[in-house]
Amino acid sequence: MGQFLKVDLWDTDLGEQMAVCTSWPTQEFVVWEWGAGNIVISHFIDKLGEVTP
């Protein structure tokens, strides 16, 4: 099983950058994903912080 990850990035009017992350299971009919989406998003945000100032 896996997770899809959608990331929307844009600049705000204040010159800041904003990211909105959404994650959902790759398999249909998943009743409970046991926090896998949160893990994927947290890992992505950690890696993003490593490559951006």
PDB file of N, CA and C in Angstrom:
ATOM      1  N   MET A   1       0.843  -1.168   0.000  1.00  0.00           N
ATOM      2  CA  MET A   1       0.000   0.000   0.000  1.00  0.00           C
ATOM      3  C   MET A   1       0.889   1.233   0.000  1.00  0.00           C
ATOM      4  N   GLY A   2       0.395   2.336  -0.508  1.00  0.00           N
ATOM      5  CA  GLY A   2       1.155   3.576  -0.554  1.00  0.00           C
ATOM      6  C   GLY A   2       0.249   4.775  -0.390  1.00  0.00           C
ATOM      7  N   GLN A   3       0.824   5.934  -0.527  1.00  0.00           N
ATOM      8  CA  GLN A   3       0.099   7.189  -0.384  1.00  0.00           C
ATOM      9  C   GLN A   3       0.392   8.087  -1.580  1.00  0.00           C
ATOM     10  N   PHE A   4      -0.629   8.777  -2.046  1.00  0.00           N
ATOM     11  CA  PHE A   4      -0.436   9.864  -2.989  1.00  0.00           C
ATOM     12  C   PHE A   4      -0.117  11.111  -2.176  1.00  0.00           C
ATOM     13  N   LEU A   5       0.647  12.023  -2.755  1.00  0.00           N
ATOM     14  CA  LEU A   5       0.951  13.291  -2.097  1.00  0.00           C
ATOM     15  C   LEU A   5       0.762  14.407  -3.104  1.00  0.00           C
ATOM     16  N   LYS A   6      -0.088  15.357  -2.762  1.00  0.00           N
ATOM     17  CA  LYS A   6      -0.297  16.538  -3.603  1.00  0.00           C
ATOM     18  C   LYS A   6       0.230  17.735  -2.826  1.00  0.00           C
ATOM     19  N   VAL A   7       1.066  18.533  -3.476  1.00  0.00           N
ATOM     20  CA  VAL A   7       1.656  19.701  -2.829  1.00  0.00           C
ATOM     21  C   VAL A   7       1.376  20.922  -3.696  1.00  0.00           C
ATOM     22  N   ASP A   8       0.729  21.908  -3.121  1.00  0.00           N
ATOM     23  CA  ASP A   8       0.494  23.184  -3.789  1.00  0.00           C
ATOM     24  C   ASP A   8       1.405  24.216  -3.141  1.00  0.00           C
ATOM     25  N   LEU A   9       2.242  24.861  -3.942  1.00  0.00           N
ATOM     26  CA  LEU A   9       3.171  25.884  -3.454  1.00  0.00           C
ATOM     27  C   LEU A   9       2.857  27.207  -4.126  1.00  0.00           C
ATOM     28  N   TRP A  10       2.881  28.281  -3.368  1.00  0.00           N
ATOM     29  CA  TRP A  10       2.713  29.595  -3.959  1.00  0.00           C
ATOM     30  C   TRP A  10       3.275  30.666  -3.041  1.00  0.00           C
ATOM     31  N   ASP A  11       3.485  31.843  -3.618  1.00  0.00           N
ATOM     32  CA  ASP A  11       3.952  33.006  -2.863  1.00  0.00           C
ATOM     33  C   ASP A  11       2.741  33.788  -2.365  1.00  0.00           C
ATOM     34  N   THR A  12       2.846  34.319  -1.139  1.00  0.00           N
ATOM     35  CA  THR A  12       1.772  35.131  -0.583  1.00  0.00           C
ATOM     36  C   THR A  12       2.002  36.594  -0.954  1.00  0.00           C
ATOM     37  N   ASP A  13       1.017  37.418  -0.671  1.00  0.00           N
ATOM     38  CA  ASP A  13       1.135  38.857  -0.921  1.00  0.00           C
ATOM     39  C   ASP A  13       2.196  39.505  -0.038  1.00  0.00           C
ATOM     40  N   LEU A  14       2.567  38.848   1.054  1.00  0.00           N
ATOM     41  CA  LEU A  14       3.570  39.384   1.972  1.00  0.00           C
ATOM     42  C   LEU A  14       4.979  38.946   1.600  1.00  0.00           C
ATOM     43  N   GLY A  15       5.126  38.248   0.465  1.00  0.00           N
ATOM     44  CA  GLY A  15       6.435  37.793   0.029  1.00  0.00           C
ATOM     45  C   GLY A  15       6.868  36.488   0.671  1.00  0.00           C
ATOM     46  N   GLU A  16       5.984  35.873   1.412  1.00  0.00           N
ATOM     47  CA  GLU A  16       6.280  34.584   2.032  1.00  0.00           C
ATOM     48  C   GLU A  16       5.866  33.463   1.085  1.00  0.00           C
ATOM     49  N   GLN A  17       6.294  32.261   1.402  1.00  0.00           N
ATOM     50  CA  GLN A  17       5.902  31.102   0.613  1.00  0.00           C
ATOM     51  C   GLN A  17       4.986  30.213   1.442  1.00  0.00           C
ATOM     52  N   MET A  18       4.014  29.633   0.784  1.00  0.00           N
ATOM     53  CA  MET A  18       3.039  28.788   1.465  1.00  0.00           C
ATOM     54  C   MET A  18       2.963  27.442   0.761  1.00  0.00           C
ATOM     55  N   ALA A  19       2.819  26.385   1.548  1.00  0.00           N
ATOM     56  CA  ALA A  19       2.663  25.036   1.005  1.00  0.00           C
ATOM     57  C   ALA A  19       1.435  24.398   1.647  1.00  0.00           C
ATOM     58  N   VAL A  20       0.602  23.787   0.826  1.00  0.00           N
ATOM     59  CA  VAL A  20      -0.536  23.023   1.314  1.00  0.00           C
ATOM     60  C   VAL A  20      -0.354  21.596   0.822  1.00  0.00           C
ATOM     61  N   CYS A  21      -0.263  20.661   1.759  1.00  0.00           N
ATOM     62  CA  CYS A  21      -0.022  19.250   1.425  1.00  0.00           C
ATOM     63  C   CYS A  21      -1.275  18.433   1.715  1.00  0.00           C
ATOM     64  N   THR A  22      -1.588  17.545   0.795  1.00  0.00           N
ATOM     65  CA  THR A  22      -2.710  16.634   0.949  1.00  0.00           C
ATOM     66  C   THR A  22      -2.227  15.231   0.596  1.00  0.00           C
ATOM     67  N   SER A  23      -2.607  14.257   1.400  1.00  0.00           N
ATOM     68  CA  SER A  23      -2.196  12.879   1.154  1.00  0.00           C
ATOM     69  C   SER A  23      -3.407  11.967   1.277  1.00  0.00           C
ATOM     70  N   TRP A  24      -3.455  10.941   0.422  1.00  0.00           N
ATOM     71  CA  TRP A  24      -4.532   9.965   0.471  1.00  0.00           C
ATOM     72  C   TRP A  24      -4.006   8.619  -0.018  1.00  0.00           C
ATOM     73  N   PRO A  25      -4.642   7.526   0.404  1.00  0.00           N
ATOM     74  CA  PRO A  25      -4.160   6.181   0.057  1.00  0.00           C
ATOM     75  C   PRO A  25      -4.248   5.897  -1.440  1.00  0.00           C
ATOM     76  N   THR A  26      -3.310   5.083  -1.927  1.00  0.00           N
ATOM     77  CA  THR A  26      -3.324   4.684  -3.334  1.00  0.00           C
ATOM     78  C   THR A  26      -4.364   3.602  -3.593  1.00  0.00           C
ATOM     79  N   GLN A  27      -4.763   2.900  -2.564  1.00  0.00           N
ATOM     80  CA  GLN A  27      -5.755   1.829  -2.704  1.00  0.00           C
ATOM     81  C   GLN A  27      -7.148   2.373  -2.402  1.00  0.00           C
ATOM     82  N   GLU A  28      -8.125   1.946  -3.185  1.00  0.00           N
ATOM     83  CA  GLU A  28      -9.508   2.335  -2.908  1.00  0.00           C
ATOM     84  C   GLU A  28     -10.030   1.567  -1.702  1.00  0.00           C
ATOM     85  N   PHE A  29     -11.062   2.071  -1.102  1.00  0.00           N
ATOM     86  CA  PHE A  29     -11.774   1.423  -0.003  1.00  0.00           C
ATOM     87  C   PHE A  29     -10.927   1.242   1.253  1.00  0.00           C
ATOM     88  N   VAL A  30      -9.962   2.131   1.470  1.00  0.00           N
ATOM     89  CA  VAL A  30      -9.186   2.097   2.705  1.00  0.00           C
ATOM     90  C   VAL A  30     -10.033   2.752   3.791  1.00  0.00           C
ATOM     91  N   VAL A  31     -10.289   2.012   4.840  1.00  0.00           N
ATOM     92  CA  VAL A  31     -11.119   2.519   5.925  1.00  0.00           C
ATOM     93  C   VAL A  31     -10.278   3.317   6.909  1.00  0.00           C
ATOM     94  N   TRP A  32      -9.086   2.828   7.215  1.00  0.00           N
ATOM     95  CA  TRP A  32      -8.221   3.491   8.186  1.00  0.00           C
ATOM     96  C   TRP A  32      -6.787   3.410   7.680  1.00  0.00           C
ATOM     97  N   GLU A  33      -6.106   4.537   7.614  1.00  0.00           N
ATOM     98  CA  GLU A  33      -4.755   4.541   7.061  1.00  0.00           C
ATOM     99  C   GLU A  33      -3.675   4.612   8.132  1.00  0.00           C
ATOM    100  N   TRP A  34      -4.055   4.583   9.393  1.00  0.00           N
ATOM    101  CA  TRP A  34      -3.135   4.509  10.527  1.00  0.00           C
ATOM    102  C   TRP A  34      -2.089   5.623  10.534  1.00  0.00           C
ATOM    103  N   GLY A  35      -2.450   6.813  10.056  1.00  0.00           N
ATOM    104  CA  GLY A  35      -1.552   7.958  10.117  1.00  0.00           C
ATOM    105  C   GLY A  35      -0.524   8.027   9.002  1.00  0.00           C
ATOM    106  N   ALA A  36      -0.651   7.160   8.000  1.00  0.00           N
ATOM    107  CA  ALA A  36       0.334   7.138   6.912  1.00  0.00           C
ATOM    108  C   ALA A  36       0.392   8.480   6.179  1.00  0.00           C
ATOM    109  N   GLY A  37      -0.745   9.138   5.993  1.00  0.00           N
ATOM    110  CA  GLY A  37      -0.757  10.439   5.325  1.00  0.00           C
ATOM    111  C   GLY A  37       0.034  11.482   6.095  1.00  0.00           C
ATOM    112  N   ASN A  38      -0.130  11.481   7.413  1.00  0.00           N
ATOM    113  CA  ASN A  38       0.631  12.428   8.249  1.00  0.00           C
ATOM    114  C   ASN A  38       2.121  12.154   8.186  1.00  0.00           C
ATOM    115  N   ILE A  39       2.494  10.881   8.132  1.00  0.00           N
ATOM    116  CA  ILE A  39       3.913  10.524   8.043  1.00  0.00           C
ATOM    117  C   ILE A  39       4.502  11.007   6.722  1.00  0.00           C
ATOM    118  N   VAL A  40       3.786  10.805   5.633  1.00  0.00           N
ATOM    119  CA  VAL A  40       4.257  11.235   4.312  1.00  0.00           C
ATOM    120  C   VAL A  40       4.412  12.753   4.274  1.00  0.00           C
ATOM    121  N   ILE A  41       3.422  13.471   4.782  1.00  0.00           N
ATOM    122  CA  ILE A  41       3.470  14.937   4.778  1.00  0.00           C
ATOM    123  C   ILE A  41       4.606  15.438   5.670  1.00  0.00           C
ATOM    124  N   SER A  42       4.769  14.863   6.856  1.00  0.00           N
ATOM    125  CA  SER A  42       5.844  15.285   7.756  1.00  0.00           C
ATOM    126  C   SER A  42       7.214  15.055   7.125  1.00  0.00           C
ATOM    127  N   HIS A  43       7.380  13.913   6.483  1.00  0.00           N
ATOM    128  CA  HIS A  43       8.652  13.614   5.825  1.00  0.00           C
ATOM    129  C   HIS A  43       8.920  14.619   4.700  1.00  0.00           C
ATOM    130  N   PHE A  44       7.892  14.931   3.913  1.00  0.00           N
ATOM    131  CA  PHE A  44       8.059  15.900   2.832  1.00  0.00           C
ATOM    132  C   PHE A  44       8.449  17.273   3.382  1.00  0.00           C
ATOM    133  N   ILE A  45       7.770  17.725   4.425  1.00  0.00           N
ATOM    134  CA  ILE A  45       8.062  19.041   5.015  1.00  0.00           C
ATOM    135  C   ILE A  45       9.484  19.064   5.575  1.00  0.00           C
ATOM    136  N   ASP A  46       9.927  17.980   6.203  1.00  0.00           N
ATOM    137  CA  ASP A  46      11.305  17.903   6.695  1.00  0.00           C
ATOM    138  C   ASP A  46      12.306  18.043   5.550  1.00  0.00           C
ATOM    139  N   LYS A  47      12.076  17.314   4.473  1.00  0.00           N
ATOM    140  CA  LYS A  47      12.978  17.373   3.323  1.00  0.00           C
ATOM    141  C   LYS A  47      12.931  18.735   2.652  1.00  0.00           C
ATOM    142  N   LEU A  48      11.759  19.334   2.566  1.00  0.00           N
ATOM    143  CA  LEU A  48      11.622  20.673   1.987  1.00  0.00           C
ATOM    144  C   LEU A  48      12.418  21.684   2.808  1.00  0.00           C
ATOM    145  N   GLY A  49      12.382  21.551   4.128  1.00  0.00           N
ATOM    146  CA  GLY A  49      13.149  22.442   4.997  1.00  0.00           C
ATOM    147  C   GLY A  49      14.649  22.303   4.817  1.00  0.00           C
ATOM    148  N   GLU A  50      15.107  21.136   4.373  1.00  0.00           N
ATOM    149  CA  GLU A  50      16.534  20.923   4.151  1.00  0.00           C
ATOM    150  C   GLU A  50      17.038  21.619   2.882  1.00  0.00           C
ATOM    151  N   VAL A  51      16.156  21.809   1.907  1.00  0.00           N
ATOM    152  CA  VAL A  51      16.600  22.367   0.622  1.00  0.00           C
ATOM    153  C   VAL A  51      16.186  23.821   0.421  1.00  0.00           C
ATOM    154  N   THR A  52      15.400  24.380   1.350  1.00  0.00           N
ATOM    155  CA  THR A  52      14.981  25.778   1.229  1.00  0.00           C
ATOM    156  C   THR A  52      15.499  26.577   2.416  1.00  0.00           C
ATOM    157  N   PRO A  53      15.785  27.836   2.185  1.00  0.00           N
ATOM    158  CA  PRO A  53      16.273  28.675   3.297  1.00  0.00           C
ATOM    159  C   PRO A  53      15.175  29.003   4.299  1.00  0.00           C
TER     160      PRO A  53
END
